[in-house]
Structure formats: C-alpha cells, structure tokens
Amino acid sequence: MNNSVKLLKSLTDVDGIAGHEMAVKSLMHEYLTQVSDEIIEDNLGGVFGKKTATTSNKTLMVAGHLDEIGFMVTKIDKDGFLKFTPIGGWWNQVMLSQKVTVTTDDGRKIRGIIGSKPPHVLSPEERKKNVDMKEMFIDIGVKSKKEAQQFGIELGNMITPYSEFEALANNKYLTAKAFDNRYGCALAVDVLQNLKNETIDINLVSGANVQEEVGLRGAKVAANKIKPDLAIAVDVAVAYDTPGMSGQVSDTAIGNGPVVILMDGSNIGHVGFMKHIKAVAKKHNITIQLDTTAGGGTDAGSIHVANEGTPTVAIGVALRYMHSNVSVLHTDDYKNSVALVTEIIKSLNDDVVDQIIW
C-alpha cells in the first residue's frame, strides 16, 4: 500500500482544473507508460494505457478524470486583488480564508488567500448571510494591478485549492485536495500494475479523461475514440458518516468498502454489468457498498450514451468533504477498489461480455 499512497500523493499534489490538465496528464503519461502495452490519447487531453488481451475482440474502458475543481482569474483590480469564477461546483461557505495557488502561463506558482472580513466588523445582518462568490477576492500579496502583472498574473490563469497531503491520527485516513478525482487516476495505474505480468481475456484501456467537472465533456471524446464494449467510471462517492450527514439519504461510510453507484443524476448503472460486479465481489470476499445519488454525476453519464451505447457502471470510494480545499479518503477503501476492478477485469472475456450486454 505504501507505493499506492505515494502515487496518490504525487497525483493530488499536481494542479490541474478543467481545461488546464496538462501537468496531470504528463504525470499520468509517465506512470501509464511503465505498465501498458501502448498509450492512447485523444485531442482534448485524455490519456490511457492499453493492455492487449491474448484472444479477444472486446474492450473494457476504465476511466478516471484528470481535472479537479478550482477557479479562473477573471479580473485584476487596481489594488492587485484577483476576481475569479468557479471551474466546477463550489459551496460559498467552504471558501473564505482558504489558501489557493495561482499558476501563471509560464508555470510560476503564486500563493493566494481568499479574503474575508474579521468578525469584529461584521454587522448582525452580515453574520447571518453567506458571502456571495461574486463579492470574494484573492489576495496574492501585492499593492497594485501593475505589480500583480509583473508576477505574471493574467486573466485566464488557473487557480487551485492549496492543501498538504498528509495522514490523520489513524494513518489509514488520508487528507488532500483533488482526491476527486486523482483517486480514479491512481486506480487506473494500479490496476494496470496488478495485471502487468498476467494475461487477460479482454482488452483493457485504463486511464483518465479531461473536463469532467464542467459537464463530463472529455469522456465523450475518449469513449468515441476507444469504442469500448463495457466501461467502468472510477470516481469518488459522498460519505454520509459525519455529524449532520449520518442517516441522511444514504449509509455510505468511509472504511466500509468500495461504492458501486446504482444510479446518479447522469447514469443508471447497467443492470447486467451491476449483477456481474456484485457476483465478482462476493466470490472474492470484497465488501462493497451500494449507493444512489439523486444529483451529481460521473463520466459514466457520457460514456454510457457514446457510440451505439456502452454498458457502464460507476465504482468509487466514499469521500468526506468533497469539493472543498480538503477531502478525506480511507486507504482500505482504495486498496479494495483496486482489488475489485482488477478481479472484474480478470473475470471478463468475449462470451461473458455478450452475456452481460444481453
């Protein structure tokens, strides 16, 4: 597991919002090259490693996504404060006084802080209100627009949350930015690593798409290029095991096993494939959680309607504090999700795929 933790750290440390995934893609390309027969790339930035089957006409696509939530610089005011727009879904209340990283066009990393008023100056009315995102600003520590520009700040620059990767009291609990969805990127690599010296009976294309957080866009492109017969979207799921969440909607909890998503706002998991996955989990004594989510979605939403239709299921891990500067993942869930996807792949061949689709 130590190697997987290092992999998760290296991938979450990299900055890359939708449309700006280049550094993440470069790192994924490096990892995938070491464990794949060939590399498949699309024109938007998706990158996948392929392991070729001994005898098979069918292909399974395993897809995470490279991008994380963040912001884009939209204005530099006369005093050097930055205005911004969200790239991906944010709740205003998690944003104030958080550190961020602004990446300039030449790759310079500049630390910033989303400013906030001290409580001493807030009126009773202000204390009751959430601050609108349009009123927020980023302080990078300059006195003027000219000085900000001298540091390379321009409109369109990428802004990402800043958070250190570290273990909590129980070192199976990890916290970082961008587990959504560098978790899926890491899994795509680790599954190929698991199968590197084995023969498989289905062609495997495993990697990550771009621009998931802004409408599942890259998955459409990648699925049209790869043309899979089956697909697994690997992404995070909501954990409902914290105060204020427990007992609401779902019982999904971190540390209780991989989450198989029956339905979300973008996809109804393919029933035949779902039954097969549950049978594989039972056979290999891998405890899974089943979940439904009324809102949100994963790349399964785009993949399942690609080409002539692709039976698709989303598999993930429960994640605390999703879409914020920090999130929490359990290493047992990661390990068991890699094991589950690995065993699913080993269970597949052309005849089994035909039975699932039928």
Protein backbone atom coordinates (compact mmCIF):
# COMPACT_ATOMS: atom_id res chain seq x y z
CA MET A 1 0.00 0.00 0.00
CA ASN A 2 2.95 2.34 0.54
CA ASN A 3 3.51 2.64 -3.22
CA SER A 4 -0.17 3.46 -3.73
CA VAL A 5 -0.02 6.18 -1.07
CA LYS A 6 2.99 7.69 -2.84
CA LEU A 7 1.06 7.51 -6.11
CA LEU A 8 -1.94 9.26 -4.57
CA LYS A 9 0.30 11.95 -3.09
CA SER A 10 2.12 12.66 -6.35
CA LEU A 11 -1.14 12.91 -8.30
CA THR A 12 -3.01 15.08 -5.77
CA ASP A 13 -0.06 17.43 -5.37
CA VAL A 14 -0.26 18.39 -9.07
CA ASP A 15 -2.52 21.30 -10.04
CA GLY A 16 -4.98 20.89 -12.89
CA ILE A 17 -8.51 22.26 -13.30
CA ALA A 18 -10.71 21.51 -16.31
CA GLY A 19 -9.02 22.73 -19.47
CA HIS A 20 -5.66 23.02 -17.66
CA GLU A 21 -4.89 19.34 -17.06
CA MET A 22 -1.53 19.33 -18.87
CA ALA A 23 0.72 18.72 -15.85
CA VAL A 24 -1.55 15.95 -14.55
CA LYS A 25 -1.65 14.35 -18.00
CA SER A 26 2.14 14.46 -18.22
CA LEU A 27 2.49 12.66 -14.89
CA MET A 28 -0.17 10.10 -15.82
CA HIS A 29 1.53 9.50 -19.17
CA GLU A 30 4.75 8.73 -17.30
CA TYR A 31 3.05 6.27 -14.93
CA LEU A 32 0.94 4.59 -17.62
CA THR A 33 3.89 4.08 -19.96
CA GLN A 34 5.57 1.87 -17.37
CA VAL A 35 2.63 -0.57 -17.12
CA SER A 36 0.99 -0.53 -20.58
CA ASP A 37 1.48 -2.10 -24.00
CA GLU A 38 0.66 1.23 -25.66
CA ILE A 39 -0.62 4.71 -24.85
CA ILE A 40 -3.88 6.07 -26.26
CA GLU A 41 -4.51 9.83 -26.24
CA ASP A 42 -7.36 11.99 -27.50
CA ASN A 43 -7.20 15.53 -28.81
CA LEU A 44 -8.60 17.15 -25.65
CA GLY A 45 -6.03 15.59 -23.33
CA GLY A 46 -7.40 12.24 -22.18
CA VAL A 47 -4.67 9.65 -21.67
CA PHE A 48 -4.99 5.88 -21.33
CA GLY A 49 -2.78 2.84 -21.14
CA LYS A 50 -3.77 -0.27 -23.06
CA LYS A 51 -3.12 -3.89 -22.13
CA THR A 52 -3.90 -6.20 -25.03
CA ALA A 53 -5.73 -9.46 -24.46
CA THR A 54 -4.40 -12.80 -25.69
CA THR A 55 -7.54 -13.51 -27.72
CA SER A 56 -10.43 -11.04 -27.55
CA ASN A 57 -12.45 -8.70 -29.72
CA LYS A 58 -13.97 -6.88 -26.75
CA THR A 59 -12.65 -3.86 -24.84
CA LEU A 60 -13.23 -2.63 -21.30
CA MET A 61 -12.64 1.07 -20.57
CA VAL A 62 -11.65 2.06 -17.02
CA ALA A 63 -11.80 5.84 -16.72
CA GLY A 64 -10.99 8.32 -14.00
CA HIS A 65 -10.70 12.04 -14.71
CA LEU A 66 -7.66 14.30 -14.57
CA ASP A 67 -9.29 17.57 -13.56
CA GLU A 68 -10.01 18.93 -10.10
CA ILE A 69 -12.31 21.75 -9.04
CA GLY A 70 -10.85 25.24 -8.88
CA PHE A 71 -11.21 28.74 -10.30
CA MET A 72 -10.05 31.00 -13.13
CA VAL A 73 -8.83 34.60 -12.85
CA THR A 74 -11.36 36.95 -14.45
CA LYS A 75 -10.16 40.37 -13.26
CA ILE A 76 -7.22 42.10 -11.57
CA ASP A 77 -8.42 45.23 -9.76
CA LYS A 78 -6.38 48.41 -9.36
CA ASP A 79 -5.07 47.28 -5.95
CA GLY A 80 -3.91 43.90 -7.25
CA PHE A 81 -6.75 41.77 -5.84
CA LEU A 82 -8.00 38.99 -8.10
CA LYS A 83 -11.60 38.28 -9.01
CA PHE A 84 -12.43 34.79 -10.19
CA THR A 85 -15.05 32.38 -11.48
CA PRO A 86 -15.53 28.80 -10.32
CA ILE A 87 -14.48 25.88 -12.51
CA GLY A 88 -16.59 23.07 -11.08
CA GLY A 89 -19.05 23.06 -8.22
CA TRP A 90 -18.34 25.06 -5.04
CA TRP A 91 -20.35 25.94 -1.95
CA ASN A 92 -19.56 29.51 -0.90
CA GLN A 93 -19.28 28.69 2.80
CA VAL A 94 -16.19 26.45 2.37
CA MET A 95 -14.18 29.09 0.50
CA LEU A 96 -13.39 32.10 2.70
CA SER A 97 -9.87 32.38 4.19
CA GLN A 98 -8.68 29.34 2.27
CA LYS A 99 -5.28 29.20 0.58
CA VAL A 100 -5.12 28.80 -3.18
CA THR A 101 -2.42 28.51 -5.83
CA VAL A 102 -2.44 30.71 -8.92
CA THR A 103 -0.49 29.18 -11.83
CA THR A 104 0.82 31.66 -14.40
CA ASP A 105 1.24 30.89 -18.09
CA ASP A 106 4.95 30.27 -17.58
CA GLY A 107 4.26 27.81 -14.75
CA ARG A 108 5.05 30.04 -11.78
CA LYS A 109 3.13 29.08 -8.62
CA ILE A 110 1.85 32.04 -6.58
CA ARG A 111 0.12 31.53 -3.25
CA GLY A 112 -3.06 33.45 -2.59
CA ILE A 113 -5.76 33.70 0.07
CA ILE A 114 -9.48 34.11 -0.47
CA GLY A 115 -10.00 37.16 1.73
CA SER A 116 -12.57 37.53 4.49
CA LYS A 117 -13.72 40.20 6.92
CA PRO A 118 -12.79 39.75 10.60
CA PRO A 119 -15.82 39.10 12.84
CA HIS A 120 -15.17 42.38 14.70
CA VAL A 121 -16.51 44.44 11.80
CA LEU A 122 -19.47 42.29 10.78
CA SER A 123 -22.95 43.62 11.46
CA PRO A 124 -25.55 41.22 12.91
CA GLU A 125 -27.14 41.02 9.46
CA GLU A 126 -23.83 40.17 7.76
CA ARG A 127 -23.16 37.38 10.25
CA LYS A 128 -26.34 35.63 9.14
CA LYS A 129 -25.54 35.71 5.42
CA ASN A 130 -23.27 33.61 3.22
CA VAL A 131 -20.87 35.77 1.24
CA ASP A 132 -21.70 35.68 -2.46
CA MET A 133 -18.88 34.37 -4.61
CA LYS A 134 -19.08 37.48 -6.77
CA GLU A 135 -18.01 39.53 -3.75
CA MET A 136 -14.97 37.39 -2.99
CA PHE A 137 -11.41 38.19 -3.98
CA ILE A 138 -7.95 36.61 -3.81
CA ASP A 139 -5.08 38.39 -2.07
CA ILE A 140 -1.67 37.42 -3.51
CA GLY A 141 0.27 39.97 -1.50
CA VAL A 142 0.80 42.87 -3.91
CA LYS A 143 -0.13 46.59 -3.83
CA SER A 144 -1.31 47.19 -7.40
CA LYS A 145 -2.52 45.70 -10.66
CA LYS A 146 0.85 46.50 -12.21
CA GLU A 147 2.71 44.58 -9.50
CA ALA A 148 0.39 41.58 -9.92
CA GLN A 149 1.07 41.62 -13.66
CA GLN A 150 4.81 41.82 -13.01
CA PHE A 151 4.48 38.47 -11.23
CA GLY A 152 2.88 37.05 -14.36
CA ILE A 153 -0.78 37.19 -13.32
CA GLU A 154 -3.14 37.35 -16.30
CA LEU A 155 -6.80 36.79 -16.98
CA GLY A 156 -7.46 33.10 -17.56
CA ASN A 157 -4.82 31.88 -15.09
CA MET A 158 -5.67 28.64 -13.28
CA ILE A 159 -6.44 28.78 -9.56
CA THR A 160 -6.40 25.58 -7.47
CA PRO A 161 -7.03 24.83 -3.80
CA TYR A 162 -3.90 24.57 -1.67
CA SER A 163 -3.76 21.73 0.84
CA GLU A 164 -0.97 19.47 2.02
CA PHE A 165 -1.25 15.70 1.56
CA GLU A 166 -0.99 14.04 4.96
CA ALA A 167 -2.25 11.22 7.17
CA LEU A 168 -4.59 11.94 10.06
CA ALA A 169 -4.48 10.36 13.56
CA ASN A 170 -5.21 6.91 12.17
CA ASN A 171 -2.83 6.78 9.21
CA LYS A 172 -5.40 4.94 7.10
CA TYR A 173 -7.26 8.26 6.88
CA LEU A 174 -5.60 10.49 4.29
CA THR A 175 -6.40 14.12 3.57
CA ALA A 176 -5.54 16.10 0.42
CA LYS A 177 -7.02 18.28 -2.25
CA ALA A 178 -8.09 16.66 -5.52
CA PHE A 179 -8.91 13.11 -4.36
CA ASP A 180 -11.79 13.96 -6.70
CA ASN A 181 -10.58 12.53 -8.93
CA ARG A 182 -6.90 11.72 -8.71
CA TYR A 183 -8.21 8.68 -6.82
CA GLY A 184 -9.52 7.41 -10.17
CA CYS A 185 -6.24 8.28 -11.90
CA ALA A 186 -4.24 6.32 -9.32
CA LEU A 187 -6.60 3.35 -9.56
CA ALA A 188 -6.24 3.29 -13.35
CA VAL A 189 -2.46 2.98 -12.93
CA ASP A 190 -2.54 0.48 -10.06
CA VAL A 191 -4.93 -1.85 -11.91
CA LEU A 192 -2.56 -1.97 -14.88
CA GLN A 193 0.32 -2.57 -12.46
CA ASN A 194 -1.56 -5.50 -10.91
CA LEU A 195 -2.06 -7.06 -14.34
CA LYS A 196 1.33 -6.22 -15.85
CA ASN A 197 2.68 -9.77 -15.71
CA GLU A 198 -0.65 -11.56 -16.26
CA THR A 199 -2.64 -12.50 -19.34
CA ILE A 200 -6.20 -11.23 -19.60
CA ASP A 201 -9.10 -12.21 -21.84
CA ILE A 202 -10.41 -8.74 -22.61
CA ASN A 203 -8.60 -5.71 -23.99
CA LEU A 204 -8.16 -3.19 -21.20
CA VAL A 205 -7.91 0.57 -21.77
CA SER A 206 -7.31 2.26 -18.41
CA GLY A 207 -6.63 5.94 -17.75
CA ALA A 208 -8.36 9.29 -17.34
CA ASN A 209 -10.48 11.84 -19.18
CA VAL A 210 -10.43 15.64 -19.06
CA GLN A 211 -13.08 18.21 -18.11
CA GLU A 212 -15.36 16.00 -16.02
CA GLU A 213 -16.09 18.75 -13.50
CA VAL A 214 -17.63 21.03 -16.12
CA GLY A 215 -20.08 18.63 -17.72
CA LEU A 216 -18.45 15.23 -18.35
CA ARG A 217 -17.00 16.58 -21.58
CA GLY A 218 -13.76 14.66 -22.08
CA ALA A 219 -15.44 11.31 -21.52
CA LYS A 220 -17.49 11.81 -24.69
CA VAL A 221 -14.33 12.28 -26.72
CA ALA A 222 -12.44 9.39 -25.14
CA ALA A 223 -15.32 6.93 -25.43
CA ASN A 224 -15.80 7.82 -29.10
CA LYS A 225 -12.11 7.16 -29.71
CA ILE A 226 -11.77 3.95 -27.66
CA LYS A 227 -15.19 2.49 -28.58
CA PRO A 228 -15.42 0.21 -25.54
CA ASP A 229 -17.88 -2.66 -25.18
CA LEU A 230 -18.08 -2.14 -21.40
CA ALA A 231 -16.92 0.69 -19.17
CA ILE A 232 -16.21 1.45 -15.52
CA ALA A 233 -16.10 5.10 -14.46
CA VAL A 234 -13.97 5.35 -11.33
CA ASP A 235 -14.78 8.39 -9.20
CA VAL A 236 -15.49 9.35 -5.62
CA ALA A 237 -18.81 8.99 -3.80
CA VAL A 238 -20.31 11.04 -0.99
CA ALA A 239 -19.59 9.83 2.56
CA TYR A 240 -22.57 10.14 4.89
CA ASP A 241 -20.80 9.21 8.13
CA THR A 242 -20.10 12.63 9.67
CA PRO A 243 -22.21 14.77 12.05
CA GLY A 244 -25.12 16.35 10.20
CA MET A 245 -24.86 13.78 7.41
CA SER A 246 -25.37 10.46 9.21
CA GLY A 247 -28.66 8.80 8.40
CA GLN A 248 -29.46 11.22 5.58
CA VAL A 249 -30.17 9.76 2.14
CA SER A 250 -27.51 7.03 2.39
CA ASP A 251 -25.45 5.00 4.87
CA THR A 252 -22.28 5.13 2.76
CA ALA A 253 -19.26 5.45 5.04
CA ILE A 254 -15.51 5.60 4.57
CA GLY A 255 -13.66 2.42 5.52
CA ASN A 256 -16.64 0.19 4.63
CA GLY A 257 -15.54 -0.81 1.13
CA PRO A 258 -15.79 0.38 -2.47
CA VAL A 259 -19.02 2.10 -3.50
CA VAL A 260 -20.92 0.79 -6.52
CA ILE A 261 -23.24 3.55 -7.71
CA LEU A 262 -26.59 2.16 -8.79
CA MET A 263 -27.87 5.50 -10.06
CA ASP A 264 -26.97 9.17 -10.06
CA GLY A 265 -28.05 12.28 -11.91
CA SER A 266 -26.23 11.23 -15.08
CA ASN A 267 -26.44 7.44 -15.33
CA ILE A 268 -28.39 4.38 -14.28
CA GLY A 269 -25.83 1.63 -13.81
CA HIS A 270 -26.23 -1.12 -16.41
CA VAL A 271 -28.21 -3.86 -14.66
CA GLY A 272 -26.41 -6.81 -16.27
CA PHE A 273 -22.97 -5.38 -15.52
CA MET A 274 -24.07 -4.47 -12.00
CA LYS A 275 -25.13 -8.04 -11.29
CA HIS A 276 -21.80 -9.31 -12.61
CA ILE A 277 -19.85 -6.88 -10.42
CA LYS A 278 -21.78 -7.93 -7.31
CA ALA A 279 -21.08 -11.60 -8.12
CA VAL A 280 -17.34 -10.89 -8.53
CA ALA A 281 -17.23 -9.02 -5.23
CA LYS A 282 -18.98 -11.89 -3.44
CA LYS A 283 -16.70 -14.52 -4.99
CA HIS A 284 -13.55 -12.69 -3.86
CA ASN A 285 -14.91 -11.62 -0.44
CA ILE A 286 -14.68 -7.91 -1.25
CA THR A 287 -17.22 -5.97 0.80
CA ILE A 288 -18.97 -3.34 -1.32
CA GLN A 289 -21.44 -0.56 -0.60
CA LEU A 290 -24.35 0.26 -2.90
CA ASP A 291 -25.45 3.85 -3.29
CA THR A 292 -27.87 6.04 -5.19
CA THR A 293 -27.36 9.77 -5.64
CA ALA A 294 -30.18 11.94 -6.93
CA GLY A 295 -27.86 14.76 -8.04
CA GLY A 296 -24.39 14.97 -9.48
CA GLY A 297 -22.83 12.56 -11.91
CA THR A 298 -19.68 10.90 -13.15
CA ASP A 299 -18.14 10.26 -16.54
CA ALA A 300 -20.44 7.24 -16.73
CA GLY A 301 -23.07 9.77 -17.80
CA SER A 302 -21.27 10.49 -21.07
CA ILE A 303 -19.69 7.09 -21.66
CA HIS A 304 -22.91 5.08 -21.48
CA VAL A 305 -24.51 7.04 -24.33
CA ALA A 306 -21.40 7.09 -26.56
CA ASN A 307 -21.33 5.34 -29.92
CA GLU A 308 -24.18 2.79 -30.02
CA GLY A 309 -24.42 2.69 -26.22
CA THR A 310 -21.88 1.38 -23.72
CA PRO A 311 -22.98 -0.60 -20.64
CA THR A 312 -21.36 1.39 -17.84
CA VAL A 313 -21.15 1.30 -14.06
CA ALA A 314 -19.52 3.84 -11.72
CA ILE A 315 -17.33 2.49 -8.91
CA GLY A 316 -15.68 4.66 -6.30
CA VAL A 317 -14.75 5.25 -2.71
CA ALA A 318 -16.63 7.24 -0.11
CA LEU A 319 -15.04 10.66 0.36
CA ARG A 320 -15.57 13.18 3.15
CA TYR A 321 -15.67 16.94 2.44
CA MET A 322 -15.88 16.59 -1.33
CA HIS A 323 -15.49 19.77 -3.42
CA SER A 324 -13.55 21.75 -0.86
CA ASN A 325 -9.89 22.51 -0.16
CA VAL A 326 -9.62 19.28 1.82
CA SER A 327 -11.08 15.80 1.50
CA VAL A 328 -10.62 12.56 3.42
CA LEU A 329 -10.18 9.07 1.95
CA HIS A 330 -9.60 5.70 3.66
CA THR A 331 -6.71 3.56 2.38
CA ASP A 332 -8.64 0.29 2.89
CA ASP A 333 -11.31 1.58 0.50
CA TYR A 334 -8.66 2.46 -2.06
CA LYS A 335 -6.95 -0.93 -1.78
CA ASN A 336 -10.23 -2.82 -2.07
CA SER A 337 -11.47 -0.74 -5.00
CA VAL A 338 -8.27 -1.57 -6.89
CA ALA A 339 -8.75 -5.24 -5.99
CA LEU A 340 -12.39 -5.18 -7.12
CA VAL A 341 -11.68 -3.60 -10.51
CA THR A 342 -8.73 -5.96 -11.02
CA GLU A 343 -10.94 -9.01 -10.36
CA ILE A 344 -13.69 -7.66 -12.62
CA ILE A 345 -11.19 -7.40 -15.46
CA LYS A 346 -9.90 -10.94 -14.84
CA SER A 347 -13.47 -12.26 -14.93
CA LEU A 348 -14.25 -10.92 -18.39
CA ASN A 349 -13.98 -12.46 -21.84
CA ASP A 350 -15.93 -12.06 -25.06
CA ASP A 351 -18.62 -14.58 -24.06
CA VAL A 352 -19.10 -13.02 -20.62
CA VAL A 353 -19.40 -9.56 -22.16
CA ASP A 354 -22.06 -10.84 -24.56
CA GLN A 355 -23.98 -12.32 -21.62
CA ILE A 356 -23.77 -9.05 -19.67
CA ILE A 357 -24.98 -6.95 -22.59
CA TRP A 358 -27.80 -9.33 -23.40
